[in-house]
Structures are given as structure tokens and as C-alpha cells.
Amino acid sequence: MSELPFVRFQSPTRDRRGNFTGVFGLVNGLARTGRLTVEQEAFRRATNDWYDANFINPAHSDPIVYDAAVNPGAAAWFKATARVFIEPVDGYLAILKAHGVPCETVRSADPGMVIYEDDYQVVAVARN
């Protein structure tokens, strides 16, 4: 059996806007409320900096990609082949587990209508 081509790490429940918050948003939310330990915050900051330096932020390429009026529910999905970017997610998942914040791994062959794509990720709007 082949691996599904897209993977996303997200909250299993929708936020107040009706979206499933991704793993980075969940951990960054804990940081904003001061709930991370010193070690967790050091990991978060260093790893966020690594992603900022090495991973394309789709919003920098297309400022409206996450605009809720234009692309409601737009969500980023890793391409399963982007292992170098997926592996550090384990550290974020460990932080969420330590704080009792649920996060699920969703795999898909069809994440929705793709509105952005690069070598490592897509941003898609779910099909109704």
C-alpha cells in the first residue's frame, strides 16, 4: 500500500472561525498564553526560526492565500515526500501531548482545491 501524498497535523475540533487549527498554531497559542516550559519555548523558538529560514510561507508568496473571504478554510498540507520538514513536527506534538492538547494526523490523496503549491506543501480549500 502506498503512502497518501498529503499529511496535516491539526486539532480534531474546529476553532471559532470553523477551521481546524494546525499544529504550529496550537503550539504558538500555548506560547502566547505563557503555558510552555523554558525547554518547550526554547524548542519552539529554535524550530520556528528553522522553519522560517528553510520553509516557504505561502502567505509571503500570495498574500490572499489565507484570506477567509477569498479562500475560506484554506489549510496547509505537507507533501508526504517533505520528510525533512515533517520530522520536526514530533517535537511540537510532544509539547501538545504534555499539555493535554489533542492533535490528529490527517492523511489524504485529495486535500481539496489546491490554491498554492511548492515542492514541499500545498494549501487547499476543502471541497463541499
Protein backbone atom coordinates (compact mmCIF):
# COMPACT_ATOMS: atom_id res chain seq x y z
CA MET A 1 0.00 0.00 0.00
CA SER A 2 1.43 3.37 -0.97
CA GLU A 3 1.54 6.33 1.34
CA LEU A 4 -1.07 9.03 0.79
CA PRO A 5 0.56 12.08 -0.78
CA PHE A 6 -0.52 14.76 1.73
CA VAL A 7 -0.38 14.99 5.54
CA ARG A 8 -1.62 17.57 8.01
CA PHE A 9 -1.36 17.79 11.79
CA GLN A 10 -4.35 19.60 13.26
CA SER A 11 -6.82 19.97 16.08
CA PRO A 12 -9.64 17.43 15.82
CA THR A 13 -12.16 20.20 16.59
CA ARG A 14 -12.93 23.40 14.73
CA ASP A 15 -11.96 26.78 16.13
CA ARG A 16 -14.39 29.69 16.48
CA ARG A 17 -13.96 30.52 12.77
CA GLY A 18 -14.80 26.95 11.76
CA ASN A 19 -11.24 25.91 10.89
CA PHE A 20 -9.05 23.11 12.20
CA THR A 21 -6.03 24.83 13.77
CA GLY A 22 -2.74 23.32 12.63
CA VAL A 23 0.00 22.01 14.89
CA PHE A 24 2.09 25.19 14.69
CA GLY A 25 -0.88 27.38 15.57
CA LEU A 26 -1.73 25.14 18.51
CA VAL A 27 1.78 25.31 19.97
CA ASN A 28 2.13 29.02 19.25
CA GLY A 29 -1.17 29.54 21.06
CA LEU A 30 0.24 27.83 24.15
CA ALA A 31 3.29 30.10 23.92
CA ARG A 32 1.17 33.26 23.63
CA THR A 33 -0.62 32.34 26.86
CA GLY A 34 2.66 31.64 28.67
CA ARG A 35 1.99 27.94 29.19
CA LEU A 36 5.24 26.50 27.79
CA THR A 37 8.14 25.43 29.97
CA VAL A 38 11.51 27.06 29.37
CA GLU A 39 12.64 23.99 27.43
CA GLN A 40 9.46 23.84 25.35
CA GLU A 41 9.72 27.54 24.49
CA ALA A 42 13.39 27.11 23.51
CA PHE A 43 12.43 24.24 21.18
CA ARG A 44 9.50 26.20 19.74
CA ARG A 45 11.52 29.33 19.10
CA ALA A 46 14.52 27.50 17.57
CA THR A 47 12.37 25.26 15.42
CA ASN A 48 10.06 28.07 14.32
CA ASP A 49 13.19 30.02 13.33
CA TRP A 50 14.45 26.99 11.38
CA TYR A 51 11.13 26.72 9.53
CA ASP A 52 11.16 30.47 8.84
CA ALA A 53 14.64 30.17 7.31
CA ASN A 54 14.05 26.98 5.31
CA PHE A 55 10.35 26.59 4.54
CA ILE A 56 8.28 28.81 2.26
CA ASN A 57 5.45 30.67 3.96
CA PRO A 58 2.68 30.61 1.33
CA ALA A 59 1.32 33.95 2.58
CA HIS A 60 4.61 35.59 1.61
CA SER A 61 4.18 34.35 -1.97
CA ASP A 62 0.44 35.03 -2.15
CA PRO A 63 -0.91 37.47 0.46
CA ILE A 64 -4.53 36.34 -0.04
CA VAL A 65 -3.91 32.60 0.22
CA TYR A 66 -5.27 32.52 3.80
CA ASP A 67 -7.82 35.34 3.32
CA ALA A 68 -11.03 33.86 4.76
CA ALA A 69 -13.22 35.90 2.39
CA VAL A 70 -11.36 34.64 -0.69
CA ASN A 71 -10.29 31.14 0.42
CA PRO A 72 -12.46 30.10 3.37
CA GLY A 73 -10.92 27.31 5.41
CA ALA A 74 -7.63 27.30 3.49
CA ALA A 75 -5.20 24.91 5.15
CA ALA A 76 -1.59 23.92 4.50
CA TRP A 77 -0.70 20.27 3.94
CA PHE A 78 2.80 18.81 3.81
CA LYS A 79 3.62 16.68 0.83
CA ALA A 80 4.48 13.27 2.29
CA THR A 81 7.83 13.43 0.48
CA ALA A 82 8.84 16.52 2.52
CA ARG A 83 10.28 14.39 5.33
CA VAL A 84 12.90 16.95 6.36
CA PHE A 85 10.03 19.32 7.22
CA ILE A 86 7.73 16.69 8.71
CA GLU A 87 10.25 15.16 11.14
CA PRO A 88 10.49 18.22 13.46
CA VAL A 89 6.71 18.10 13.95
CA ASP A 90 7.26 15.31 16.51
CA GLY A 91 8.65 17.91 18.93
CA TYR A 92 5.53 20.07 18.55
CA LEU A 93 3.32 17.01 19.03
CA ALA A 94 5.21 16.17 22.25
CA ILE A 95 4.54 19.68 23.57
CA LEU A 96 0.84 19.37 22.79
CA LYS A 97 0.66 15.96 24.46
CA ALA A 98 2.37 17.32 27.58
CA HIS A 99 -0.33 20.00 27.81
CA GLY A 100 -3.23 17.68 27.03
CA VAL A 101 -3.99 19.43 23.74
CA PRO A 102 -5.36 16.97 21.19
CA CYS A 103 -3.85 16.89 17.72
CA GLU A 104 -4.56 14.42 14.94
CA THR A 105 -2.63 13.36 11.88
CA VAL A 106 -4.74 13.52 8.74
CA ARG A 107 -3.55 11.89 5.52
CA SER A 108 -5.24 12.45 2.19
CA ALA A 109 -4.97 11.83 -1.52
CA ASP A 110 -7.21 14.88 -2.08
CA PRO A 111 -6.90 17.73 0.44
CA GLY A 112 -9.25 19.92 -1.61
CA MET A 113 -8.92 22.59 -4.25
CA VAL A 114 -5.22 23.46 -4.33
CA ILE A 115 -4.70 27.22 -4.30
CA TYR A 116 -0.94 27.19 -3.63
CA GLU A 117 1.78 24.61 -4.25
CA ASP A 118 5.54 24.36 -3.92
CA ASP A 119 7.96 21.44 -3.68
CA TYR A 120 7.04 20.65 -0.05
CA GLN A 121 3.44 21.68 0.56
CA VAL A 122 0.07 22.66 -0.79
CA VAL A 123 -2.57 24.99 0.56
CA ALA A 124 -6.05 23.74 -0.21
CA VAL A 125 -9.64 24.69 0.38
CA ALA A 126 -11.81 21.70 1.28
CA ARG A 127 -14.39 20.72 -1.30
CA ASN A 128 -18.02 20.90 -0.15
